[in-house]
């Protein structure tokens, strides 16, 4: 009975890890999509002279785009460096470590 509980706890841990990755990746792609739209609007406004003088677009200027680009690049580096450091090899080692602990503590009586 104890091993079944351990298996469920390990399964829950892995589901939590993968759900965090999925949420982080999904939020990054959403941010990238919104950033691309903002960049297109900024280019249209600044370089092509299209007047977009309504509420959110009136505040889209060079300073905002520089800050937004910096935040976007930092989040991209953070996300992809995280996957590079904690990639599939790290996950396999962690899985093997947890499974080794489980087999050591499992009693076959």
Protein backbone atom coordinates (compact mmCIF):
# COMPACT_ATOMS: atom_id res chain seq x y z
CA UNK A 1 0.00 0.00 0.00
CA UNK A 2 2.87 2.33 0.76
CA UNK A 3 4.39 1.96 -2.71
CA UNK A 4 1.10 2.81 -4.38
CA UNK A 5 0.95 6.01 -2.34
CA UNK A 6 4.54 6.84 -3.27
CA UNK A 7 3.74 6.22 -6.92
CA UNK A 8 0.78 8.59 -6.71
CA UNK A 9 2.91 11.25 -5.03
CA UNK A 10 5.60 10.93 -7.72
CA UNK A 11 2.99 11.07 -10.45
CA UNK A 12 1.55 14.20 -8.86
CA UNK A 13 5.03 15.79 -8.71
CA UNK A 14 5.68 15.10 -12.39
CA UNK A 15 2.26 16.41 -13.38
CA UNK A 16 2.95 19.58 -11.40
CA UNK A 17 6.34 20.04 -13.09
CA UNK A 18 4.93 19.53 -16.58
CA UNK A 19 1.88 21.70 -15.94
CA UNK A 20 4.23 24.52 -14.82
CA UNK A 21 6.21 24.16 -18.03
CA UNK A 22 3.07 24.19 -20.15
CA UNK A 23 1.67 27.27 -18.41
CA UNK A 24 4.99 29.10 -18.69
CA UNK A 25 5.37 28.25 -22.37
CA UNK A 26 1.76 29.16 -23.16
CA UNK A 27 2.07 32.51 -21.39
CA UNK A 28 5.31 33.22 -23.29
CA UNK A 29 3.65 32.53 -26.65
CA UNK A 30 0.71 34.74 -25.68
CA UNK A 31 3.15 37.50 -24.70
CA UNK A 32 5.00 37.05 -28.01
CA UNK A 33 1.74 37.34 -29.96
CA UNK A 34 0.67 40.51 -28.13
CA UNK A 35 4.20 41.93 -28.49
CA UNK A 36 4.13 41.28 -32.24
CA UNK A 37 0.82 43.11 -32.55
CA UNK A 38 2.18 46.01 -30.49
CA UNK A 39 5.33 46.13 -32.61
CA UNK A 40 3.32 46.23 -35.82
CA UNK A 41 1.15 49.03 -34.47
CA UNK A 42 4.24 50.93 -33.29
CA UNK A 43 5.89 50.65 -36.71
CA UNK A 44 2.69 51.75 -38.45
CA UNK A 45 2.34 54.69 -36.09
CA UNK A 46 5.96 55.91 -36.04
CA UNK A 47 7.26 55.18 -39.53
CA UNK A 48 4.16 55.29 -41.71
CA UNK A 49 2.42 58.16 -39.92
CA UNK A 50 -0.88 56.41 -39.35
CA UNK A 51 -2.68 58.36 -36.65
CA UNK A 52 -3.80 56.02 -33.90
CA UNK A 53 -4.90 58.53 -31.32
CA UNK A 54 -7.22 56.49 -29.19
CA UNK A 55 -6.65 55.40 -25.60
CA UNK A 56 -4.15 52.56 -25.52
CA UNK A 57 -2.34 53.47 -28.73
CA UNK A 58 -1.68 57.08 -27.77
CA UNK A 59 0.82 55.89 -25.12
CA UNK A 60 2.71 53.54 -27.45
CA UNK A 61 5.98 55.41 -27.94
CA UNK A 62 9.68 54.61 -28.20
CA UNK A 63 10.27 54.43 -24.44
CA UNK A 64 7.41 51.98 -23.95
CA UNK A 65 8.65 49.82 -26.84
CA UNK A 66 12.22 49.79 -25.49
CA UNK A 67 11.00 48.69 -22.07
CA UNK A 68 8.59 46.16 -23.56
CA UNK A 69 11.30 44.73 -25.84
CA UNK A 70 13.68 44.41 -22.89
CA UNK A 71 11.09 42.59 -20.81
CA UNK A 72 10.23 40.32 -23.73
CA UNK A 73 13.87 39.44 -24.37
CA UNK A 74 14.54 38.76 -20.69
CA UNK A 75 11.51 36.47 -20.49
CA UNK A 76 12.61 34.66 -23.67
CA UNK A 77 16.13 34.17 -22.35
CA UNK A 78 14.77 33.03 -19.00
CA UNK A 79 12.40 30.54 -20.58
CA UNK A 80 14.80 29.02 -23.09
CA UNK A 81 17.80 29.05 -20.75
CA UNK A 82 15.63 27.24 -18.21
CA UNK A 83 14.82 24.55 -20.79
CA UNK A 84 18.47 24.36 -21.79
CA UNK A 85 19.66 23.92 -18.20
CA UNK A 86 16.74 21.81 -17.01
CA UNK A 87 16.11 19.94 -20.25
CA UNK A 88 15.20 16.36 -20.97
CA UNK A 89 18.48 15.00 -19.60
CA UNK A 90 17.85 16.67 -16.24
CA UNK A 91 14.30 15.32 -16.19
CA UNK A 92 15.53 11.81 -16.97
CA UNK A 93 18.13 11.99 -14.19
CA UNK A 94 15.51 13.28 -11.75
CA UNK A 95 13.07 10.55 -12.77
CA UNK A 96 15.75 7.90 -12.38
CA UNK A 97 16.69 9.30 -8.96
CA UNK A 98 13.09 9.21 -7.75
CA UNK A 99 12.53 5.71 -9.13
CA UNK A 100 15.75 4.49 -7.48
CA UNK A 101 14.58 5.88 -4.15
CA UNK A 102 11.24 4.17 -4.61
CA UNK A 103 12.80 0.78 -5.37
CA UNK A 104 15.15 1.10 -2.39
CA UNK A 105 12.30 1.86 0.01
CA UNK A 106 9.95 -0.70 -1.52
CA UNK A 107 9.65 -3.85 0.55
CA UNK A 108 8.67 -7.08 -1.15
CA UNK A 109 7.30 -9.15 1.65
